[in-house]
Amino acid sequence: MKTLLLILITWMALPAFSQTRKEKEAAKEENVRKALEADRYTIDINYMIPSKGPGRPLTTDYSVTVRNDSLISYLPYAGRAYSIPYGGGKALNFSAPIENYEKKTKKKGETEITVSLRNDEDSYIYRLTVYKNGNASLYVQPTQRQSISFSGEMDLKEN
């Protein structure tokens, strides 16, 4: 009987010690909001969707990082290049200062970010949509290559 009583008390006290699912979701949404407000975040990319051909999951650690006034892009590229340097160039692996940064919050809580930048090879527009839960979609439009899309999730450990 004592064992049963102890199990019952432990079972009843368990919710008081663990976070509920809604509390965890709210905490995650708050962390996403803070990272976006600070303009300091990393999106871990896990899926690539070329303009032509099938999409595919990515097994290597690819990411896009925004740090106030610069963007660090470490992304794979699959698609047609119109004019590139001999040897293929950097593609989407570079760090460059941001020329234009626009951020809009939509009705359902998602944030749309448009970043314009250029490096010594090309100029780019990165359109990023970050949802409240940290999931993200990215559309990259280079001038000298076909556009490409990605999806991933915000890295909240780093911020």
N, C-alpha and C. Protein backbone atom coordinates (compact mmCIF):
# COMPACT_ATOMS: atom_id res chain seq x y z
N MET A 1 0.82 -1.18 0.00
CA MET A 1 0.00 0.00 0.00
C MET A 1 0.87 1.26 0.00
N LYS A 2 1.96 1.24 0.76
CA LYS A 2 2.86 2.40 0.80
C LYS A 2 3.48 2.65 -0.56
N THR A 3 3.82 1.59 -1.27
CA THR A 3 4.42 1.71 -2.58
C THR A 3 3.42 2.35 -3.55
N LEU A 4 2.19 1.93 -3.50
CA LEU A 4 1.16 2.48 -4.36
C LEU A 4 0.94 3.96 -4.07
N LEU A 5 0.93 4.33 -2.81
CA LEU A 5 0.77 5.72 -2.41
C LEU A 5 1.96 6.57 -2.89
N LEU A 6 3.17 6.05 -2.78
CA LEU A 6 4.36 6.75 -3.25
C LEU A 6 4.33 6.96 -4.77
N ILE A 7 3.92 5.95 -5.51
CA ILE A 7 3.81 6.05 -6.97
C ILE A 7 2.77 7.09 -7.35
N LEU A 8 1.63 7.09 -6.65
CA LEU A 8 0.56 8.04 -6.92
C LEU A 8 1.01 9.48 -6.66
N ILE A 9 1.71 9.72 -5.58
CA ILE A 9 2.21 11.07 -5.25
C ILE A 9 3.25 11.51 -6.28
N THR A 10 4.14 10.62 -6.66
CA THR A 10 5.16 10.95 -7.66
C THR A 10 4.51 11.27 -9.00
N TRP A 11 3.53 10.49 -9.38
CA TRP A 11 2.83 10.69 -10.65
C TRP A 11 2.11 12.04 -10.67
N MET A 12 1.51 12.42 -9.56
CA MET A 12 0.78 13.68 -9.48
C MET A 12 1.73 14.89 -9.46
N ALA A 13 2.92 14.73 -8.91
CA ALA A 13 3.87 15.83 -8.81
C ALA A 13 4.68 16.01 -10.09
N LEU A 14 4.71 15.02 -10.96
CA LEU A 14 5.51 15.04 -12.17
C LEU A 14 5.22 16.25 -13.07
N PRO A 15 3.97 16.63 -13.34
CA PRO A 15 3.73 17.80 -14.19
C PRO A 15 4.28 19.10 -13.61
N ALA A 16 4.40 19.20 -12.33
CA ALA A 16 4.93 20.42 -11.72
C ALA A 16 6.41 20.58 -12.03
N PHE A 17 7.13 19.49 -12.29
CA PHE A 17 8.57 19.54 -12.53
C PHE A 17 8.94 19.62 -14.00
N SER A 18 8.04 19.23 -14.86
CA SER A 18 8.37 19.24 -16.29
C SER A 18 7.62 20.35 -17.00
N GLN A 19 8.25 20.90 -18.02
CA GLN A 19 7.62 21.93 -18.82
C GLN A 19 6.55 21.31 -19.70
N THR A 20 5.46 21.99 -19.83
CA THR A 20 4.44 21.49 -20.74
C THR A 20 4.87 21.78 -22.17
N ARG A 21 4.20 21.13 -23.08
CA ARG A 21 4.52 21.30 -24.49
C ARG A 21 4.29 22.75 -24.93
N LYS A 22 3.21 23.35 -24.46
CA LYS A 22 2.93 24.75 -24.82
C LYS A 22 3.99 25.70 -24.27
N GLU A 23 4.48 25.43 -23.08
CA GLU A 23 5.53 26.27 -22.49
C GLU A 23 6.81 26.15 -23.30
N LYS A 24 7.15 24.94 -23.75
CA LYS A 24 8.35 24.75 -24.58
C LYS A 24 8.21 25.48 -25.91
N GLU A 25 7.03 25.37 -26.53
CA GLU A 25 6.79 26.06 -27.80
C GLU A 25 6.88 27.58 -27.62
N ALA A 26 6.31 28.08 -26.53
CA ALA A 26 6.35 29.53 -26.26
C ALA A 26 7.80 29.99 -26.03
N ALA A 27 8.58 29.19 -25.33
CA ALA A 27 9.99 29.55 -25.09
C ALA A 27 10.76 29.56 -26.40
N LYS A 28 10.49 28.59 -27.27
CA LYS A 28 11.17 28.53 -28.56
C LYS A 28 10.79 29.73 -29.42
N GLU A 29 9.50 30.07 -29.45
CA GLU A 29 9.05 31.23 -30.21
C GLU A 29 9.71 32.51 -29.70
N GLU A 30 9.86 32.62 -28.40
CA GLU A 30 10.51 33.80 -27.81
C GLU A 30 11.98 33.87 -28.22
N ASN A 31 12.68 32.73 -28.22
CA ASN A 31 14.09 32.70 -28.63
C ASN A 31 14.24 33.07 -30.11
N VAL A 32 13.32 32.57 -30.94
CA VAL A 32 13.34 32.92 -32.37
C VAL A 32 13.13 34.42 -32.54
N ARG A 33 12.14 34.98 -31.84
CA ARG A 33 11.84 36.41 -31.92
C ARG A 33 13.04 37.25 -31.50
N LYS A 34 13.68 36.87 -30.39
CA LYS A 34 14.85 37.63 -29.90
C LYS A 34 16.00 37.60 -30.90
N ALA A 35 16.26 36.44 -31.49
CA ALA A 35 17.35 36.32 -32.46
C ALA A 35 17.07 37.18 -33.69
N LEU A 36 15.82 37.18 -34.15
CA LEU A 36 15.47 37.99 -35.32
C LEU A 36 15.54 39.48 -35.01
N GLU A 37 15.13 39.87 -33.82
CA GLU A 37 15.20 41.28 -33.44
C GLU A 37 16.65 41.77 -33.34
N ALA A 38 17.53 40.90 -32.88
CA ALA A 38 18.94 41.26 -32.74
C ALA A 38 19.70 41.20 -34.06
N ASP A 39 19.07 40.67 -35.11
CA ASP A 39 19.73 40.48 -36.41
C ASP A 39 21.00 39.65 -36.27
N ARG A 40 20.96 38.66 -35.40
CA ARG A 40 22.08 37.74 -35.19
C ARG A 40 21.50 36.33 -35.09
N TYR A 41 21.62 35.57 -36.20
CA TYR A 41 21.04 34.23 -36.21
C TYR A 41 21.72 33.38 -37.27
N THR A 42 21.56 32.07 -37.10
CA THR A 42 22.07 31.10 -38.05
C THR A 42 20.93 30.18 -38.43
N ILE A 43 20.80 29.90 -39.71
CA ILE A 43 19.82 28.95 -40.21
C ILE A 43 20.60 27.72 -40.68
N ASP A 44 20.36 26.59 -40.04
CA ASP A 44 20.97 25.32 -40.46
C ASP A 44 20.13 24.77 -41.61
N ILE A 45 20.75 24.56 -42.75
CA ILE A 45 20.06 24.12 -43.96
C ILE A 45 20.12 22.60 -44.05
N ASN A 46 18.94 21.98 -44.28
CA ASN A 46 18.90 20.52 -44.35
C ASN A 46 18.24 19.98 -45.61
N TYR A 47 17.77 20.87 -46.50
CA TYR A 47 17.12 20.41 -47.73
C TYR A 47 17.36 21.43 -48.84
N MET A 48 17.67 20.93 -50.05
CA MET A 48 17.97 21.77 -51.20
C MET A 48 16.96 21.49 -52.30
N ILE A 49 16.46 22.56 -52.94
CA ILE A 49 15.50 22.44 -54.04
C ILE A 49 16.02 23.24 -55.23
N PRO A 50 16.73 22.59 -56.16
CA PRO A 50 17.23 23.31 -57.35
C PRO A 50 16.07 23.79 -58.22
N SER A 51 16.33 24.75 -59.13
CA SER A 51 15.30 25.23 -60.04
C SER A 51 14.79 24.12 -60.94
N LYS A 52 15.70 23.28 -61.39
CA LYS A 52 15.33 22.14 -62.22
C LYS A 52 15.88 20.89 -61.57
N GLY A 53 15.09 19.87 -61.53
CA GLY A 53 15.53 18.62 -60.93
C GLY A 53 14.89 18.44 -59.57
N PRO A 54 15.07 17.27 -59.02
CA PRO A 54 14.42 16.96 -57.73
C PRO A 54 15.14 17.60 -56.54
N GLY A 55 14.38 17.86 -55.50
CA GLY A 55 14.97 18.32 -54.25
C GLY A 55 15.66 17.16 -53.56
N ARG A 56 16.55 17.48 -52.63
CA ARG A 56 17.25 16.39 -51.94
C ARG A 56 17.68 16.83 -50.54
N PRO A 57 17.64 15.89 -49.61
CA PRO A 57 18.11 16.20 -48.26
C PRO A 57 19.62 16.38 -48.25
N LEU A 58 20.10 17.19 -47.34
CA LEU A 58 21.54 17.44 -47.22
C LEU A 58 22.05 16.80 -45.94
N THR A 59 23.16 16.12 -46.05
CA THR A 59 23.72 15.44 -44.89
C THR A 59 24.87 16.21 -44.26
N THR A 60 25.46 17.14 -45.00
CA THR A 60 26.55 17.95 -44.48
C THR A 60 25.98 19.18 -43.79
N ASP A 61 26.73 19.76 -42.88
CA ASP A 61 26.27 20.94 -42.14
C ASP A 61 26.41 22.20 -42.98
N TYR A 62 25.33 22.59 -43.63
CA TYR A 62 25.28 23.82 -44.40
C TYR A 62 24.49 24.86 -43.60
N SER A 63 24.81 26.13 -43.82
CA SER A 63 24.13 27.17 -43.04
C SER A 63 24.24 28.53 -43.70
N VAL A 64 23.37 29.42 -43.25
CA VAL A 64 23.42 30.84 -43.58
C VAL A 64 23.39 31.58 -42.26
N THR A 65 24.35 32.50 -42.07
CA THR A 65 24.45 33.24 -40.81
C THR A 65 24.37 34.73 -41.10
N VAL A 66 23.53 35.41 -40.33
CA VAL A 66 23.44 36.87 -40.40
C VAL A 66 24.02 37.41 -39.11
N ARG A 67 24.99 38.28 -39.23
CA ARG A 67 25.62 38.93 -38.08
C ARG A 67 25.60 40.43 -38.30
N ASN A 68 24.51 41.06 -37.88
CA ASN A 68 24.32 42.50 -37.98
C ASN A 68 24.47 43.01 -39.42
N ASP A 69 25.67 43.31 -39.86
CA ASP A 69 25.86 43.92 -41.17
C ASP A 69 26.51 43.01 -42.21
N SER A 70 26.62 41.71 -41.91
CA SER A 70 27.23 40.80 -42.88
C SER A 70 26.48 39.47 -42.93
N LEU A 71 26.65 38.78 -44.04
CA LEU A 71 26.04 37.47 -44.25
C LEU A 71 27.13 36.48 -44.57
N ILE A 72 27.08 35.34 -43.91
CA ILE A 72 28.02 34.24 -44.17
C ILE A 72 27.20 33.11 -44.78
N SER A 73 27.51 32.78 -46.01
CA SER A 73 26.77 31.76 -46.74
C SER A 73 27.66 30.55 -46.96
N TYR A 74 27.22 29.39 -46.47
CA TYR A 74 27.91 28.13 -46.72
C TYR A 74 26.84 27.16 -47.23
N LEU A 75 26.61 27.21 -48.56
CA LEU A 75 25.53 26.44 -49.17
C LEU A 75 26.02 25.70 -50.40
N PRO A 76 25.42 24.55 -50.69
CA PRO A 76 25.74 23.85 -51.94
C PRO A 76 25.00 24.53 -53.09
N TYR A 77 25.45 24.26 -54.31
CA TYR A 77 24.74 24.81 -55.46
C TYR A 77 24.57 23.73 -56.51
N ALA A 78 23.36 23.64 -57.04
CA ALA A 78 23.08 22.75 -58.17
C ALA A 78 22.21 23.56 -59.13
N GLY A 79 22.69 23.73 -60.33
CA GLY A 79 21.94 24.50 -61.31
C GLY A 79 22.85 25.01 -62.40
N ARG A 80 22.29 25.79 -63.27
CA ARG A 80 23.02 26.31 -64.41
C ARG A 80 23.68 27.64 -64.07
N ALA A 81 24.93 27.77 -64.45
CA ALA A 81 25.66 29.02 -64.27
C ALA A 81 25.82 29.67 -65.64
N TYR A 82 25.53 30.96 -65.72
CA TYR A 82 25.59 31.66 -66.99
C TYR A 82 26.97 32.23 -67.26
N SER A 83 27.60 32.78 -66.26
CA SER A 83 28.92 33.37 -66.41
C SER A 83 29.63 33.27 -65.07
N ILE A 84 30.64 32.42 -65.01
CA ILE A 84 31.36 32.20 -63.75
C ILE A 84 32.86 32.22 -64.00
N PRO A 85 33.64 32.42 -62.95
CA PRO A 85 35.09 32.39 -63.11
C PRO A 85 35.57 30.96 -63.45
N TYR A 86 36.74 30.91 -64.05
CA TYR A 86 37.35 29.63 -64.37
C TYR A 86 37.50 28.79 -63.11
N GLY A 87 37.12 27.53 -63.18
CA GLY A 87 37.21 26.63 -62.03
C GLY A 87 35.93 26.58 -61.21
N GLY A 88 34.92 27.35 -61.59
CA GLY A 88 33.63 27.26 -60.90
C GLY A 88 33.36 28.38 -59.92
N GLY A 89 34.38 28.99 -59.39
CA GLY A 89 34.17 30.10 -58.46
C GLY A 89 33.71 29.65 -57.08
N LYS A 90 33.21 30.60 -56.32
CA LYS A 90 32.81 30.36 -54.94
C LYS A 90 31.39 29.81 -54.83
N ALA A 91 30.58 30.02 -55.86
CA ALA A 91 29.16 29.65 -55.83
C ALA A 91 28.47 30.35 -54.67
N LEU A 92 27.97 29.59 -53.69
CA LEU A 92 27.26 30.18 -52.55
C LEU A 92 28.05 30.02 -51.25
N ASN A 93 29.38 29.96 -51.35
CA ASN A 93 30.26 29.87 -50.18
C ASN A 93 31.09 31.14 -50.07
N PHE A 94 30.61 32.07 -49.25
CA PHE A 94 31.30 33.36 -49.12
C PHE A 94 30.80 34.09 -47.89
N SER A 95 31.49 35.15 -47.57
CA SER A 95 31.08 36.09 -46.54
C SER A 95 31.13 37.47 -47.18
N ALA A 96 30.05 38.25 -47.00
CA ALA A 96 30.00 39.56 -47.64
C ALA A 96 29.18 40.53 -46.80
N PRO A 97 29.50 41.82 -46.92
CA PRO A 97 28.69 42.82 -46.21
C PRO A 97 27.31 42.94 -46.87
N ILE A 98 26.32 43.19 -46.06
CA ILE A 98 24.95 43.34 -46.54
C ILE A 98 24.76 44.76 -47.07
N GLU A 99 24.24 44.88 -48.28
CA GLU A 99 23.97 46.19 -48.87
C GLU A 99 22.58 46.69 -48.49
N ASN A 100 21.59 45.78 -48.48
CA ASN A 100 20.22 46.16 -48.16
C ASN A 100 19.59 45.04 -47.34
N TYR A 101 18.92 45.40 -46.23
CA TYR A 101 18.31 44.42 -45.33
C TYR A 101 16.90 44.89 -44.99
N GLU A 102 15.90 44.13 -45.39
CA GLU A 102 14.51 44.46 -45.10
C GLU A 102 13.87 43.32 -44.33
N LYS A 103 13.12 43.67 -43.29
CA LYS A 103 12.47 42.66 -42.45
C LYS A 103 11.01 43.04 -42.28
N LYS A 104 10.11 42.07 -42.54
CA LYS A 104 8.68 42.29 -42.39
C LYS A 104 8.08 41.14 -41.60
N THR A 105 7.18 41.46 -40.66
CA THR A 105 6.46 40.43 -39.92
C THR A 105 5.08 40.29 -40.54
N LYS A 106 4.72 39.06 -40.86
CA LYS A 106 3.43 38.77 -41.50
C LYS A 106 2.37 38.44 -40.46
N LYS A 107 1.14 38.23 -40.92
CA LYS A 107 0.00 38.00 -40.04
C LYS A 107 0.15 36.79 -39.13
N LYS A 108 0.63 35.69 -39.65
CA LYS A 108 0.70 34.46 -38.87
C LYS A 108 1.97 34.37 -38.02
N GLY A 109 2.69 35.45 -37.91
CA GLY A 109 3.87 35.47 -37.06
C GLY A 109 5.17 35.15 -37.76
N GLU A 110 5.11 34.82 -39.05
CA GLU A 110 6.36 34.54 -39.75
C GLU A 110 7.03 35.85 -40.12
N THR A 111 8.34 35.80 -40.26
CA THR A 111 9.13 36.97 -40.58
C THR A 111 9.77 36.76 -41.93
N GLU A 112 9.59 37.72 -42.83
CA GLU A 112 10.23 37.68 -44.14
C GLU A 112 11.39 38.66 -44.16
N ILE A 113 12.54 38.15 -44.57
CA ILE A 113 13.77 38.96 -44.60
C ILE A 113 14.32 38.91 -46.02
N THR A 114 14.63 40.08 -46.56
CA THR A 114 15.25 40.17 -47.88
C THR A 114 16.60 40.84 -47.71
N VAL A 115 17.63 40.16 -48.19
CA VAL A 115 19.01 40.65 -48.07
C VAL A 115 19.61 40.77 -49.47
N SER A 116 20.15 41.93 -49.77
CA SER A 116 20.86 42.14 -51.03
C SER A 116 22.33 42.30 -50.71
N LEU A 117 23.18 41.65 -51.51
CA LEU A 117 24.62 41.75 -51.29
C LEU A 117 25.36 41.38 -52.56
N ARG A 118 26.63 41.65 -52.55
CA ARG A 118 27.48 41.26 -53.69
C ARG A 118 28.87 40.91 -53.18
N ASN A 119 29.52 40.04 -53.95
CA ASN A 119 30.93 39.75 -53.70
C ASN A 119 31.67 39.96 -55.02
N ASP A 120 32.91 39.54 -55.11
CA ASP A 120 33.69 39.80 -56.31
C ASP A 120 33.23 39.00 -57.52
N GLU A 121 32.35 37.99 -57.35
CA GLU A 121 31.88 37.16 -58.45
C GLU A 121 30.49 37.52 -58.95
N ASP A 122 29.61 37.91 -58.04
CA ASP A 122 28.19 38.01 -58.39
C ASP A 122 27.46 38.90 -57.39
N SER A 123 26.22 39.22 -57.70
CA SER A 123 25.35 39.89 -56.73
C SER A 123 24.18 38.95 -56.46
N TYR A 124 23.64 39.02 -55.24
CA TYR A 124 22.66 38.04 -54.78
C TYR A 124 21.51 38.72 -54.06
N ILE A 125 20.36 38.07 -54.10
CA ILE A 125 19.24 38.41 -53.24
C ILE A 125 18.88 37.14 -52.48
N TYR A 126 18.92 37.22 -51.16
CA TYR A 126 18.53 36.11 -50.29
C TYR A 126 17.17 36.47 -49.69
N ARG A 127 16.15 35.65 -49.95
CA ARG A 127 14.82 35.86 -49.34
C ARG A 127 14.60 34.74 -48.34
N LEU A 128 14.50 35.12 -47.11
CA LEU A 128 14.39 34.17 -46.01
C LEU A 128 13.05 34.34 -45.31
N THR A 129 12.34 33.24 -45.10
CA THR A 129 11.10 33.26 -44.32
C THR A 129 11.33 32.40 -43.09
N VAL A 130 11.21 33.01 -41.91
CA VAL A 130 11.40 32.29 -40.66
C VAL A 130 10.05 32.23 -39.95
N TYR A 131 9.63 31.03 -39.61
CA TYR A 131 8.35 30.82 -38.94
C TYR A 131 8.54 30.87 -37.42
N LYS A 132 7.44 31.03 -36.70
CA LYS A 132 7.51 31.17 -35.24
C LYS A 132 8.22 30.00 -34.56
N ASN A 133 8.09 28.80 -35.13
CA ASN A 133 8.70 27.62 -34.51
C ASN A 133 10.17 27.44 -34.87
N GLY A 134 10.74 28.36 -35.64
CA GLY A 134 12.15 28.29 -35.99
C GLY A 134 12.43 27.67 -37.35
N ASN A 135 11.43 27.06 -37.98
CA ASN A 135 11.63 26.52 -39.32
C ASN A 135 11.82 27.68 -40.29
N ALA A 136 12.55 27.43 -41.37
CA ALA A 136 12.86 28.51 -42.31
C ALA A 136 12.92 27.98 -43.73
N SER A 137 12.57 28.87 -44.67
CA SER A 137 12.77 28.59 -46.08
C SER A 137 13.59 29.72 -46.66
N LEU A 138 14.47 29.39 -47.59
CA LEU A 138 15.39 30.35 -48.17
C LEU A 138 15.36 30.24 -49.68
N TYR A 139 15.24 31.38 -50.33
CA TYR A 139 15.29 31.46 -51.79
C TYR A 139 16.48 32.34 -52.14
N VAL A 140 17.41 31.80 -52.92
CA VAL A 140 18.61 32.54 -53.30
C VAL A 140 18.54 32.84 -54.80
N GLN A 141 18.69 34.12 -55.14
CA GLN A 141 18.63 34.54 -56.53
C GLN A 141 19.94 35.23 -56.91
N PRO A 142 20.89 34.48 -57.47
CA PRO A 142 22.12 35.09 -57.98
C PRO A 142 21.87 35.73 -59.35
N THR A 143 22.73 36.63 -59.75
CA THR A 143 22.60 37.25 -61.07
C THR A 143 23.16 36.34 -62.16
N GLN A 144 24.28 35.65 -61.88
CA GLN A 144 24.98 34.86 -62.89
C GLN A 144 24.67 33.37 -62.85
N ARG A 145 23.70 32.96 -62.05
CA ARG A 145 23.33 31.54 -61.93
C ARG A 145 21.81 31.43 -61.80
N GLN A 146 21.30 30.20 -61.99
CA GLN A 146 19.89 29.96 -61.73
C GLN A 146 19.61 30.08 -60.24
N SER A 147 18.38 30.46 -59.92
CA SER A 147 17.99 30.55 -58.51
C SER A 147 17.86 29.15 -57.91
N ILE A 148 17.88 29.10 -56.58
CA ILE A 148 17.80 27.83 -55.86
C ILE A 148 17.13 28.10 -54.51
N SER A 149 16.44 27.09 -54.00
CA SER A 149 15.75 27.22 -52.72
C SER A 149 16.28 26.19 -51.73
N PHE A 150 16.13 26.52 -50.45
CA PHE A 150 16.56 25.65 -49.36
C PHE A 150 15.54 25.70 -48.24
N SER A 151 15.59 24.73 -47.37
CA SER A 151 14.79 24.79 -46.14
C SER A 151 15.66 24.31 -44.99
N GLY A 152 15.31 24.75 -43.79
CA GLY A 152 16.10 24.39 -42.62
C GLY A 152 15.44 24.89 -41.36
N GLU A 153 16.26 25.05 -40.34
CA GLU A 153 15.76 25.46 -39.03
C GLU A 153 16.76 26.38 -38.36
N MET A 154 16.24 27.34 -37.59
CA MET A 154 17.11 28.27 -36.88
C MET A 154 17.86 27.55 -35.78
N ASP A 155 19.15 27.83 -35.68
CA ASP A 155 19.99 27.27 -34.63
C ASP A 155 19.85 28.15 -33.40
N LEU A 156 19.14 27.66 -32.39
CA LEU A 156 18.88 28.45 -31.19
C LEU A 156 19.92 28.22 -30.09
N LYS A 157 20.78 27.22 -30.24
CA LYS A 157 21.81 26.96 -29.24
C LYS A 157 22.86 28.05 -29.23
N GLU A 158 23.12 28.59 -30.42
CA GLU A 158 24.20 29.56 -30.60
C GLU A 158 23.84 30.94 -30.06
N ASN A 159 22.57 31.31 -30.07
CA ASN A 159 22.17 32.68 -29.75
C ASN A 159 21.90 32.87 -28.29
